[in-house]
C-alpha atoms as a PDB file:
ATOM      1  CA  MET A   1      61.207  87.755 107.141  1.00  0.00           C
ATOM      2  CA  LYS A   2      61.973  87.368 103.429  1.00  0.00           C
ATOM      3  CA  LYS A   3      65.651  88.135 104.077  1.00  0.00           C
ATOM      4  CA  CYS A   4      65.798  85.461 106.776  1.00  0.00           C
ATOM      5  CA  LEU A   5      64.240  82.880 104.470  1.00  0.00           C
ATOM      6  CA  VAL A   6      66.754  83.676 101.730  1.00  0.00           C
ATOM      7  CA  LEU A   7      69.656  83.322 104.165  1.00  0.00           C
ATOM      8  CA  MET A   8      68.272  80.033 105.471  1.00  0.00           C
ATOM      9  CA  GLY A   9      68.036  78.784 101.898  1.00  0.00           C
ATOM     10  CA  VAL A  10      71.657  79.667 101.221  1.00  0.00           C
ATOM     11  CA  LEU A  11      72.788  78.034 104.442  1.00  0.00           C
ATOM     12  CA  ALA A  12      70.894  74.884 103.533  1.00  0.00           C
ATOM     13  CA  LEU A  13      72.650  74.748 100.168  1.00  0.00           C
ATOM     14  CA  THR A  14      76.061  75.226 101.760  1.00  0.00           C
ATOM     15  CA  THR A  15      75.750  71.868 103.515  1.00  0.00           C
ATOM     16  CA  VAL A  16      76.527  70.325 100.114  1.00  0.00           C
ATOM     17  CA  PHE A  17      79.958  71.930 100.330  1.00  0.00           C
ATOM     18  CA  PHE A  18      80.451  72.295 104.091  1.00  0.00           C
ATOM     19  CA  GLY A  19      78.971  69.072 105.466  1.00  0.00           C
ATOM     20  CA  SER A  20      77.294  69.187 108.848  1.00  0.00           C
ATOM     21  CA  SER A  21      79.958  71.515 110.249  1.00  0.00           C
ATOM     22  CA  VAL A  22      82.580  73.856 108.895  1.00  0.00           C
ATOM     23  CA  LEU A  23      85.887  71.994 109.043  1.00  0.00           C
ATOM     24  CA  ALA A  24      89.088  73.047 107.305  1.00  0.00           C
ATOM     25  CA  ALA A  25      89.890  70.913 104.287  1.00  0.00           C
ATOM     26  CA  ASP A  26      93.330  70.093 102.953  1.00  0.00           C
ATOM     27  CA  MET A  27      94.637  73.103 101.075  1.00  0.00           C
ATOM     28  CA  ILE A  28      94.281  73.140  97.302  1.00  0.00           C
ATOM     29  CA  VAL A  29      97.747  72.586  95.840  1.00  0.00           C
ATOM     30  CA  LEU A  30      98.692  72.384  92.172  1.00  0.00           C
ATOM     31  CA  LYS A  31     101.296  69.681  91.561  1.00  0.00           C
ATOM     32  CA  LYS A  32     103.280  71.743  89.049  1.00  0.00           C
ATOM     33  CA  TYR A  33     102.977  74.993  91.013  1.00  0.00           C
ATOM     34  CA  PRO A  34     102.871  74.085  94.719  1.00  0.00           C
ATOM     35  CA  ALA A  35     103.782  77.586  95.958  1.00  0.00           C
ATOM     36  CA  ILE A  36     100.878  79.300  94.216  1.00  0.00           C
ATOM     37  CA  LYS A  37      97.882  79.980  96.453  1.00  0.00           C
ATOM     38  CA  ILE A  38      94.615  79.293  94.640  1.00  0.00           C
ATOM     39  CA  GLY A  39      91.761  81.383  95.980  1.00  0.00           C
ATOM     40  CA  PHE A  40      88.627  82.921  94.512  1.00  0.00           C
ATOM     41  CA  THR A  41      86.958  86.294  94.305  1.00  0.00           C
ATOM     42  CA  THR A  42      83.637  86.653  96.058  1.00  0.00           C
ATOM     43  CA  GLN A  43      82.500  88.536  92.944  1.00  0.00           C
ATOM     44  CA  ASN A  44      81.483  85.071  91.709  1.00  0.00           C
ATOM     45  CA  PHE A  45      78.840  84.870  94.453  1.00  0.00           C
ATOM     46  CA  LEU A  46      77.576  88.454  94.576  1.00  0.00           C
ATOM     47  CA  GLN A  47      74.135  87.672  93.162  1.00  0.00           C
ATOM     48  CA  PRO A  48      73.116  85.070  95.770  1.00  0.00           C
ATOM     49  CA  LEU A  49      75.280  86.615  98.503  1.00  0.00           C
ATOM     50  CA  PRO A  50      75.299  90.428  98.243  1.00  0.00           C
ATOM     51  CA  VAL A  51      77.667  92.428 100.398  1.00  0.00           C
ATOM     52  CA  SER A  52      77.068  92.049 104.139  1.00  0.00           C
ATOM     53  CA  LEU A  53      79.117  90.884 107.096  1.00  0.00           C
ATOM     54  CA  ASP A  54      77.050  87.704 107.473  1.00  0.00           C
ATOM     55  CA  ASN A  55      77.441  86.805 103.813  1.00  0.00           C
ATOM     56  CA  ALA A  56      81.163  87.543 103.965  1.00  0.00           C
ATOM     57  CA  LYS A  57      81.472  85.019 106.792  1.00  0.00           C
ATOM     58  CA  VAL A  58      79.675  82.441 104.628  1.00  0.00           C
ATOM     59  CA  MET A  59      82.358  83.021 101.989  1.00  0.00           C
ATOM     60  CA  VAL A  60      85.137  82.533 104.540  1.00  0.00           C
ATOM     61  CA  ASP A  61      83.521  79.310 105.763  1.00  0.00           C
ATOM     62  CA  PHE A  62      83.174  78.082 102.187  1.00  0.00           C
ATOM     63  CA  ALA A  63      86.856  78.810 101.550  1.00  0.00           C
ATOM     64  CA  ALA A  64      87.991  77.021 104.712  1.00  0.00           C
ATOM     65  CA  ALA A  65      85.757  74.002 104.086  1.00  0.00           C
ATOM     66  CA  ASN A  66      87.016  73.549 100.526  1.00  0.00           C
ATOM     67  CA  GLY A  67      90.743  74.130 100.895  1.00  0.00           C
ATOM     68  CA  PHE A  68      91.066  77.691  99.596  1.00  0.00           C
ATOM     69  CA  PRO A  69      93.858  79.506 101.474  1.00  0.00           C
ATOM     70  CA  TRP A  70      92.610  82.976 100.552  1.00  0.00           C
ATOM     71  CA  ILE A  71      89.815  85.016  99.002  1.00  0.00           C
ATOM     72  CA  GLU A  72      89.527  88.370  97.307  1.00  0.00           C
ATOM     73  CA  TYR A  73      86.615  89.978  99.132  1.00  0.00           C
ATOM     74  CA  ARG A  74      84.790  92.196  96.630  1.00  0.00           C
ATOM     75  CA  ASP A  75      82.970  95.092  98.277  1.00  0.00           C
ATOM     76  CA  PRO A  76      82.120  97.129  95.153  1.00  0.00           C
ATOM     77  CA  SER A  77      81.235 100.443  96.807  1.00  0.00           C
ATOM     78  CA  ALA A  78      83.080  99.863 100.121  1.00  0.00           C
ATOM     79  CA  LYS A  79      79.813  99.247 101.963  1.00  0.00           C
ATOM     80  CA  LEU A  80      81.315  97.426 104.948  1.00  0.00           C
ATOM     81  CA  THR A  81      82.485  99.556 107.859  1.00  0.00           C
ATOM     82  CA  VAL A  82      85.940  99.348 109.397  1.00  0.00           C
ATOM     83  CA  LYS A  83      84.368  97.714 112.464  1.00  0.00           C
ATOM     84  CA  GLU A  84      82.724  95.044 110.284  1.00  0.00           C
ATOM     85  CA  CYS A  85      85.965  94.466 108.410  1.00  0.00           C
ATOM     86  CA  LYS A  86      87.872  93.977 111.655  1.00  0.00           C
ATOM     87  CA  GLU A  87      85.297  91.400 112.739  1.00  0.00           C
ATOM     88  CA  LEU A  88      85.563  89.668 109.357  1.00  0.00           C
ATOM     89  CA  ALA A  89      89.364  89.723 109.527  1.00  0.00           C
ATOM     90  CA  ALA A  90      89.346  88.038 112.927  1.00  0.00           C
ATOM     91  CA  TYR A  91      86.797  85.487 111.707  1.00  0.00           C
ATOM     92  CA  ALA A  92      88.962  84.674 108.670  1.00  0.00           C
ATOM     93  CA  LYS A  93      92.174  84.474 110.692  1.00  0.00           C
ATOM     94  CA  ALA A  94      90.587  81.951 113.059  1.00  0.00           C
ATOM     95  CA  ARG A  95      89.872  79.767 110.021  1.00  0.00           C
ATOM     96  CA  ASN A  96      93.299  80.266 108.392  1.00  0.00           C
ATOM     97  CA  VAL A  97      91.847  82.112 105.406  1.00  0.00           C
ATOM     98  CA  GLU A  98      93.699  85.145 104.085  1.00  0.00           C
ATOM     99  CA  VAL A  99      91.708  88.053 102.658  1.00  0.00           C
ATOM    100  CA  ALA A 100      92.482  90.741 100.078  1.00  0.00           C
ATOM    101  CA  TYR A 101      90.049  93.643  99.902  1.00  0.00           C
ATOM    102  CA  ALA A 102      88.750  94.988  96.583  1.00  0.00           C
ATOM    103  CA  VAL A 103      86.344  97.650  95.333  1.00  0.00           C
ATOM    104  CA  GLN A 104      84.783  97.987  91.870  1.00  0.00           C
ATOM    105  CA  ILE A 105      85.328 101.545  90.676  1.00  0.00           C
ATOM    106  CA  GLY A 106      87.424 103.093  87.920  1.00  0.00           C
ATOM    107  CA  LEU A 107      90.018 105.802  88.465  1.00  0.00           C
ATOM    108  CA  LEU A 108      88.090 108.381  86.400  1.00  0.00           C
ATOM    109  CA  ASP A 109      84.678 107.614  87.884  1.00  0.00           C
ATOM    110  CA  PRO A 110      83.156 110.571  89.807  1.00  0.00           C
ATOM    111  CA  ALA A 111      82.711 108.446  92.939  1.00  0.00           C
ATOM    112  CA  PHE A 112      86.281 107.120  92.948  1.00  0.00           C
ATOM    113  CA  TRP A 113      87.649 109.154  95.837  1.00  0.00           C
ATOM    114  CA  GLU A 114      84.541 108.648  97.985  1.00  0.00           C
ATOM    115  CA  ILE A 115      84.754 104.870  97.601  1.00  0.00           C
ATOM    116  CA  PHE A 116      88.542 104.819  97.779  1.00  0.00           C
ATOM    117  CA  SER A 117      88.575 106.722 101.067  1.00  0.00           C
ATOM    118  CA  ARG A 118      86.294 104.160 102.709  1.00  0.00           C
ATOM    119  CA  GLY A 119      88.074 101.187 101.147  1.00  0.00           C
ATOM    120  CA  VAL A 120      91.604 102.271 102.001  1.00  0.00           C
ATOM    121  CA  ALA A 121      90.579 102.288 105.662  1.00  0.00           C
ATOM    122  CA  ASN A 122      89.120  98.776 105.360  1.00  0.00           C
ATOM    123  CA  ALA A 123      91.908  97.063 103.431  1.00  0.00           C
ATOM    124  CA  PRO A 124      94.714  97.193 106.041  1.00  0.00           C
ATOM    125  CA  VAL A 125      92.804  95.237 108.697  1.00  0.00           C
ATOM    126  CA  PHE A 126      93.039  91.980 106.731  1.00  0.00           C
ATOM    127  CA  GLU A 127      95.896  89.484 106.799  1.00  0.00           C
ATOM    128  CA  GLY A 128      96.996  88.251 103.394  1.00  0.00           C
ATOM    129  CA  PRO A 129      98.582  89.847 100.343  1.00  0.00           C
ATOM    130  CA  LYS A 130      97.944  93.314 101.839  1.00  0.00           C
ATOM    131  CA  THR A 131      96.528  94.759  98.637  1.00  0.00           C
ATOM    132  CA  PHE A 132      93.722  97.190  97.877  1.00  0.00           C
ATOM    133  CA  ARG A 133      92.320  96.741  94.387  1.00  0.00           C
ATOM    134  CA  SER A 134      90.185  98.792  92.037  1.00  0.00           C
ATOM    135  CA  LEU A 135      89.657  98.948  88.296  1.00  0.00           C
ATOM    136  CA  ILE A 136      91.819 101.210  86.151  1.00  0.00           C
ATOM    137  CA  ALA A 137      89.213 101.839  83.439  1.00  0.00           C
ATOM    138  CA  GLY A 138      85.673 102.665  84.453  1.00  0.00           C
ATOM    139  CA  GLY A 139      82.535 104.387  83.281  1.00  0.00           C
ATOM    140  CA  GLU A 140      84.338 106.525  80.715  1.00  0.00           C
ATOM    141  CA  PHE A 141      84.007 103.633  78.247  1.00  0.00           C
ATOM    142  CA  ALA A 142      80.245 103.149  78.637  1.00  0.00           C
ATOM    143  CA  PRO A 143      78.910 106.067  76.517  1.00  0.00           C
ATOM    144  CA  ASP A 144      80.956 105.213  73.411  1.00  0.00           C
ATOM    145  CA  PRO A 145      81.067 101.595  72.195  1.00  0.00           C
ATOM    146  CA  LYS A 146      83.825 102.581  69.761  1.00  0.00           C
ATOM    147  CA  LYS A 147      86.116 103.931  72.463  1.00  0.00           C
ATOM    148  CA  THR A 148      89.190 101.691  72.779  1.00  0.00           C
ATOM    149  CA  GLY A 149      91.546 103.709  74.953  1.00  0.00           C
ATOM    150  CA  TRP A 150      92.151 107.001  76.717  1.00  0.00           C
ATOM    151  CA  SER A 151      92.896 110.451  75.350  1.00  0.00           C
ATOM    152  CA  LEU A 152      96.083 112.168  76.464  1.00  0.00           C
ATOM    153  CA  GLY A 153      94.076 114.259  78.919  1.00  0.00           C
ATOM    154  CA  GLU A 154      92.410 111.168  80.361  1.00  0.00           C
ATOM    155  CA  LEU A 155      95.765 109.392  80.656  1.00  0.00           C
ATOM    156  CA  PHE A 156      97.228 112.361  82.529  1.00  0.00           C
ATOM    157  CA  LYS A 157      94.310 112.369  84.986  1.00  0.00           C
ATOM    158  CA  LEU A 158      94.417 108.561  85.340  1.00  0.00           C
ATOM    159  CA  VAL A 159      98.081 108.555  86.238  1.00  0.00           C
ATOM    160  CA  LYS A 160      97.739 111.503  88.616  1.00  0.00           C
ATOM    161  CA  THR A 161      94.824 109.821  90.396  1.00  0.00           C
ATOM    162  CA  ALA A 162      96.532 106.422  90.533  1.00  0.00           C
ATOM    163  CA  ASN A 163      99.767 107.901  91.876  1.00  0.00           C
ATOM    164  CA  HIS A 164      97.900 109.733  94.635  1.00  0.00           C
ATOM    165  CA  ALA A 165      95.867 106.605  95.456  1.00  0.00           C
ATOM    166  CA  GLY A 166      99.020 104.493  95.520  1.00  0.00           C
ATOM    167  CA  ASN A 167     100.779 106.920  97.833  1.00  0.00           C
ATOM    168  CA  ILE A 168      97.830 107.011 100.250  1.00  0.00           C
ATOM    169  CA  ALA A 169      97.474 103.224 100.230  1.00  0.00           C
ATOM    170  CA  LYS A 170     101.191 102.764 100.906  1.00  0.00           C
ATOM    171  CA  SER A 171     100.999 105.133 103.869  1.00  0.00           C
ATOM    172  CA  ASN A 172      98.126 103.002 105.196  1.00  0.00           C
ATOM    173  CA  GLY A 173     100.152  99.801 104.940  1.00  0.00           C
ATOM    174  CA  VAL A 174      98.659  98.283 101.782  1.00  0.00           C
ATOM    175  CA  GLN A 175      99.621  98.076  98.124  1.00  0.00           C
ATOM    176  CA  TYR A 176      97.236  99.733  95.693  1.00  0.00           C
ATOM    177  CA  VAL A 177      96.652  97.609  92.563  1.00  0.00           C
ATOM    178  CA  GLY A 178      94.634  98.356  89.427  1.00  0.00           C
ATOM    179  CA  GLU A 179      93.071  95.818  87.076  1.00  0.00           C
ATOM    180  CA  ASN A 180      93.366  95.874  83.288  1.00  0.00           C
ATOM    181  CA  SER A 181      89.960  95.713  81.591  1.00  0.00           C
ATOM    182  CA  SER A 182      88.340  97.640  78.726  1.00  0.00           C
ATOM    183  CA  GLU A 183      91.349  99.608  77.504  1.00  0.00           C
ATOM    184  CA  VAL A 184      93.544  98.598  74.578  1.00  0.00           C
ATOM    185  CA  LEU A 185      96.767  96.889  75.643  1.00  0.00           C
ATOM    186  CA  LYS A 186      98.893  99.431  73.767  1.00  0.00           C
ATOM    187  CA  GLY A 187      97.735 102.658  72.161  1.00  0.00           C
ATOM    188  CA  ASP A 188      99.081 104.525  69.163  1.00  0.00           C
ATOM    189  CA  GLY A 189     101.207 106.856  71.277  1.00  0.00           C
ATOM    190  CA  MET A 190      99.514 109.974  69.893  1.00  0.00           C
ATOM    191  CA  THR A 191      95.771 110.161  70.506  1.00  0.00           C
ATOM    192  CA  ASN A 192      94.888 106.772  71.997  1.00  0.00           C
ATOM    193  CA  PHE A 193      96.509 105.254  75.074  1.00  0.00           C
ATOM    194  CA  GLY A 194      96.105 101.973  76.945  1.00  0.00           C
ATOM    195  CA  THR A 195      97.418  99.729  79.699  1.00  0.00           C
ATOM    196  CA  THR A 196     101.013  99.944  78.443  1.00  0.00           C
ATOM    197  CA  GLU A 197     101.095 103.724  78.582  1.00  0.00           C
ATOM    198  CA  PHE A 198      99.345 103.787  81.952  1.00  0.00           C
ATOM    199  CA  PHE A 199     101.926 101.614  83.699  1.00  0.00           C
ATOM    200  CA  ALA A 200     104.796 103.301  81.871  1.00  0.00           C
ATOM    201  CA  ASN A 201     103.830 106.579  83.558  1.00  0.00           C
ATOM    202  CA  ALA A 202     102.491 105.484  86.959  1.00  0.00           C
ATOM    203  CA  ASN A 203     104.807 105.681  89.967  1.00  0.00           C
ATOM    204  CA  SER A 204     106.273 102.785  91.930  1.00  0.00           C
ATOM    205  CA  ASN A 205     103.389 102.792  94.450  1.00  0.00           C
ATOM    206  CA  VAL A 206     100.917 101.758  91.729  1.00  0.00           C
ATOM    207  CA  GLY A 207     100.735  97.990  91.326  1.00  0.00           C
ATOM    208  CA  TRP A 208      98.982  95.690  88.905  1.00  0.00           C
ATOM    209  CA  GLN A 209      96.252  93.111  89.424  1.00  0.00           C
ATOM    210  CA  MET A 210      96.166  91.099  86.209  1.00  0.00           C
ATOM    211  CA  ASP A 211      93.021  89.604  84.768  1.00  0.00           C
ATOM    212  CA  MET A 212      94.151  86.723  82.564  1.00  0.00           C
ATOM    213  CA  ALA A 213      91.119  86.835  80.264  1.00  0.00           C
ATOM    214  CA  ASN A 214      90.409  90.562  80.010  1.00  0.00           C
ATOM    215  CA  PHE A 215      93.080  90.980  77.334  1.00  0.00           C
ATOM    216  CA  PHE A 216      90.772  88.966  75.070  1.00  0.00           C
ATOM    217  CA  SER A 217      87.195  88.969  76.396  1.00  0.00           C
ATOM    218  CA  VAL A 218      86.766  92.469  77.881  1.00  0.00           C
ATOM    219  CA  CYS A 219      89.386  94.612  76.145  1.00  0.00           C
ATOM    220  CA  ARG A 220      87.816  96.676  73.331  1.00  0.00           C
ATOM    221  CA  VAL A 221      90.695  95.579  71.066  1.00  0.00           C
ATOM    222  CA  VAL A 222      91.466  91.870  71.376  1.00  0.00           C
ATOM    223  CA  ALA A 223      95.148  91.469  72.192  1.00  0.00           C
ATOM    224  CA  LYS A 224      97.408  88.907  70.584  1.00  0.00           C
ATOM    225  CA  PRO A 225      98.398  86.219  73.107  1.00  0.00           C
ATOM    226  CA  GLU A 226     102.086  86.846  72.447  1.00  0.00           C
ATOM    227  CA  ASP A 227     101.626  90.564  73.153  1.00  0.00           C
ATOM    228  CA  ALA A 228      99.829  89.841  76.433  1.00  0.00           C
ATOM    229  CA  LYS A 229     102.634  87.459  77.428  1.00  0.00           C
ATOM    230  CA  ALA A 230     105.287  90.067  76.593  1.00  0.00           C
ATOM    231  CA  PHE A 231     103.425  92.654  78.681  1.00  0.00           C
ATOM    232  CA  LEU A 232     103.282  90.250  81.631  1.00  0.00           C
ATOM    233  CA  GLU A 233     106.997  89.512  81.359  1.00  0.00           C
ATOM    234  CA  LYS A 234     107.846  93.215  81.240  1.00  0.00           C
ATOM    235  CA  HIS A 235     105.594  94.213  84.140  1.00  0.00           C
ATOM    236  CA  ILE A 236     105.886  91.156  86.371  1.00  0.00           C
ATOM    237  CA  GLY A 237     107.617  93.323  88.973  1.00  0.00           C
ATOM    238  CA  LYS A 238     104.414  95.358  89.351  1.00  0.00           C
ATOM    239  CA  LEU A 239     102.114  92.327  89.637  1.00  0.00           C
ATOM    240  CA  TYR A 240     100.762  91.432  93.082  1.00  0.00           C
ATOM    241  CA  TYR A 241      98.018  88.944  92.238  1.00  0.00           C
ATOM    242  CA  ALA A 242      95.937  87.749  89.319  1.00  0.00           C
ATOM    243  CA  HIS A 243      92.390  86.825  88.476  1.00  0.00           C
ATOM    244  CA  MET A 244      92.338  83.440  86.807  1.00  0.00           C
ATOM    245  CA  LYS A 245      89.573  83.719  84.258  1.00  0.00           C
ATOM    246  CA  ALA A 246      89.296  82.006  80.879  1.00  0.00           C
ATOM    247  CA  SER A 247      88.522  83.582  77.520  1.00  0.00           C
ATOM    248  CA  SER A 248      87.086  81.225  74.912  1.00  0.00           C
ATOM    249  CA  ALA A 249      87.945  81.140  71.226  1.00  0.00           C
ATOM    250  CA  GLU A 250      84.898  83.394  70.748  1.00  0.00           C
ATOM    251  CA  HIS A 251      86.479  85.952  73.124  1.00  0.00           C
ATOM    252  CA  LYS A 252      83.898  85.340  75.853  1.00  0.00           C
ATOM    253  CA  SER A 253      84.605  84.702  79.520  1.00  0.00           C
ATOM    254  CA  THR A 254      83.506  81.255  80.667  1.00  0.00           C
ATOM    255  CA  ASP A 255      81.299  79.823  83.417  1.00  0.00           C
ATOM    256  CA  VAL A 256      83.928  77.215  84.336  1.00  0.00           C
ATOM    257  CA  LEU A 257      87.675  77.396  83.806  1.00  0.00           C
ATOM    258  CA  GLN A 258      88.951  76.000  80.540  1.00  0.00           C
ATOM    259  CA  GLU A 259      92.109  76.762  78.601  1.00  0.00           C
ATOM    260  CA  ASN A 260      92.654  80.483  78.105  1.00  0.00           C
ATOM    261  CA  GLU A 261      93.649  82.243  74.880  1.00  0.00           C
ATOM    262  CA  LEU A 262      97.009  82.913  76.526  1.00  0.00           C
ATOM    263  CA  ALA A 263      97.667  79.472  77.977  1.00  0.00           C
ATOM    264  CA  PHE A 264      97.501  79.328  81.760  1.00  0.00           C
ATOM    265  CA  GLU A 265     100.744  77.346  81.833  1.00  0.00           C
ATOM    266  CA  LYS A 266     102.641  80.243  80.253  1.00  0.00           C
ATOM    267  CA  ILE A 267     101.190  82.652  82.805  1.00  0.00           C
ATOM    268  CA  LEU A 268     101.779  80.339  85.755  1.00  0.00           C
ATOM    269  CA  ASP A 269     105.369  79.698  84.692  1.00  0.00           C
ATOM    270  CA  ILE A 270     106.111  83.432  84.745  1.00  0.00           C
ATOM    271  CA  MET A 271     104.314  84.016  88.031  1.00  0.00           C
ATOM    272  CA  ALA A 272     105.959  81.039  89.755  1.00  0.00           C
ATOM    273  CA  LYS A 273     109.425  82.015  88.525  1.00  0.00           C
ATOM    274  CA  ASN A 274     108.941  85.499  89.966  1.00  0.00           C
ATOM    275  CA  LYS A 275     107.257  84.314  93.174  1.00  0.00           C
ATOM    276  CA  VAL A 276     103.947  86.067  92.557  1.00  0.00           C
ATOM    277  CA  ASN A 277     101.902  83.461  94.370  1.00  0.00           C
ATOM    278  CA  TYR A 278      98.333  84.752  94.743  1.00  0.00           C
ATOM    279  CA  ILE A 279      95.676  83.761  92.181  1.00  0.00           C
ATOM    280  CA  ALA A 280      91.910  84.256  92.578  1.00  0.00           C
ATOM    281  CA  ILE A 281      89.534  82.351  90.308  1.00  0.00           C
ATOM    282  CA  GLU A 282      86.925  84.613  88.715  1.00  0.00           C
ATOM    283  CA  LEU A 283      83.933  83.166  86.858  1.00  0.00           C
ATOM    284  CA  ASN A 284      80.740  84.461  85.303  1.00  0.00           C
ATOM    285  CA  GLN A 285      78.179  85.312  87.962  1.00  0.00           C
ATOM    286  CA  LYS A 286      75.130  83.098  88.423  1.00  0.00           C
ATOM    287  CA  PRO A 287      71.949  83.809  90.412  1.00  0.00           C
ATOM    288  CA  GLY A 288      72.093  80.709  92.617  1.00  0.00           C
ATOM    289  CA  PHE A 289      74.649  79.821  95.282  1.00  0.00           C
ATOM    290  CA  GLU A 290      74.760  76.149  94.323  1.00  0.00           C
ATOM    291  CA  GLU A 291      75.516  76.883  90.667  1.00  0.00           C
ATOM    292  CA  CYS A 292      78.234  79.361  91.629  1.00  0.00           C
ATOM    293  CA  ALA A 293      79.812  76.855  94.002  1.00  0.00           C
ATOM    294  CA  ASN A 294      79.589  73.967  91.535  1.00  0.00           C
ATOM    295  CA  ASN A 295      81.228  76.027  88.790  1.00  0.00           C
ATOM    296  CA  LEU A 296      84.035  76.981  91.151  1.00  0.00           C
ATOM    297  CA  MET A 297      84.707  73.407  92.243  1.00  0.00           C
ATOM    298  CA  LYS A 298      84.578  72.180  88.624  1.00  0.00           C
ATOM    299  CA  SER A 299      87.222  74.788  87.908  1.00  0.00           C
ATOM    300  CA  ILE A 300      89.378  73.378  90.701  1.00  0.00           C
ATOM    301  CA  ASP A 301      89.006  69.928  89.141  1.00  0.00           C
ATOM    302  CA  PHE A 302      90.207  71.384  85.837  1.00  0.00           C
ATOM    303  CA  LEU A 303      93.278  72.919  87.499  1.00  0.00           C
ATOM    304  CA  LYS A 304      94.170  69.779  89.449  1.00  0.00           C
ATOM    305  CA  LYS A 305      93.859  67.647  86.318  1.00  0.00           C
ATOM    306  CA  ASN A 306      96.016  69.895  84.157  1.00  0.00           C
ATOM    307  CA  TYR A 307      98.447  71.604  86.507  1.00  0.00           C
END
C-alpha cells in the first residue's frame, strides 16, 4: 500500500512536466551544436524513482514529454531482467526515445563480473548509442583517502579486466565504455597510475565515457583544465558519450548546470568536430522528483541560453 501511495505521488508530480497526457515535445536542440543529442542520466532521479520497470517507463515518458531524444538508464547492480529490458526498449522506441544502459561498478570491485554478466545481456536490447557503461575506478579508493591512483599491479588487473569486458561486450553487439572518476588524470609512471595510463594500455574494444566535471570535482588530484582538454583531444577517438556535469570554482559538482572549470564550449567544440553526438546531463541527486525535474529543466534553460 505504501509503495502504491509513493508511486501515485510521483505520478501526480509528473503532471507538472507531462501535462494531462504524455505527448512528445519538440526535441531539445542547441543552436550552436544542432547535431548533439542532449539527454540525461536517470541517476539524477534514483532517490525518488529507484530501479524498477515501472519507474523506468516514467523516465521514458518524462524524456518524451520534454524533448529529450535519449536517456542513459542507470541500473547500478543490473537489477532489471532481460525480459524487463526488452519491454522497456519497446516502450522507449514507441516514444522515439533512445536508451543507453549503464551499471555502477568499478573494474576492480569483487562483484564486477557478476554485475557485468547481467548487464551485458541487457544492454544490446536497446536502440541508441549501443553502449554499456561502468566505472573504471571503484571501491579500491574508499579505504584510503590519500590514494590518488593505481599501483602497477592494480593497473595490470584493470586493463586485463577491461579488455576482457570490452571483448565480451563487442561480441554481444555493444561498445563497452568506462567512466573517469577518482583516479588522477596522469600518474608518475612508476608507482602511481591514472586515466592516461589506463587508456594507453587498454585495447581497441575499451571505450571512454567522459564525465566533464570529474576531472575537477571527483578526481583525488584536481586536474588543470588545459590538461583535461589535451586528454580529450588525444582520446576523442575512444569517446562514445559524455556526462555533462559542472564543477564549481570550489571543485564541487552542482545541482544545476553552470559553467564548468573546463568550459563546456571547448568540450562541445571538440565533440561536435569529431561527431561524438551523445551527451547526458548529470546533476546532484535530490530526494524529491519535482526538485530533480526542476533542476534538470533549469539546466536545459542554461544550455539554450548559452549554446
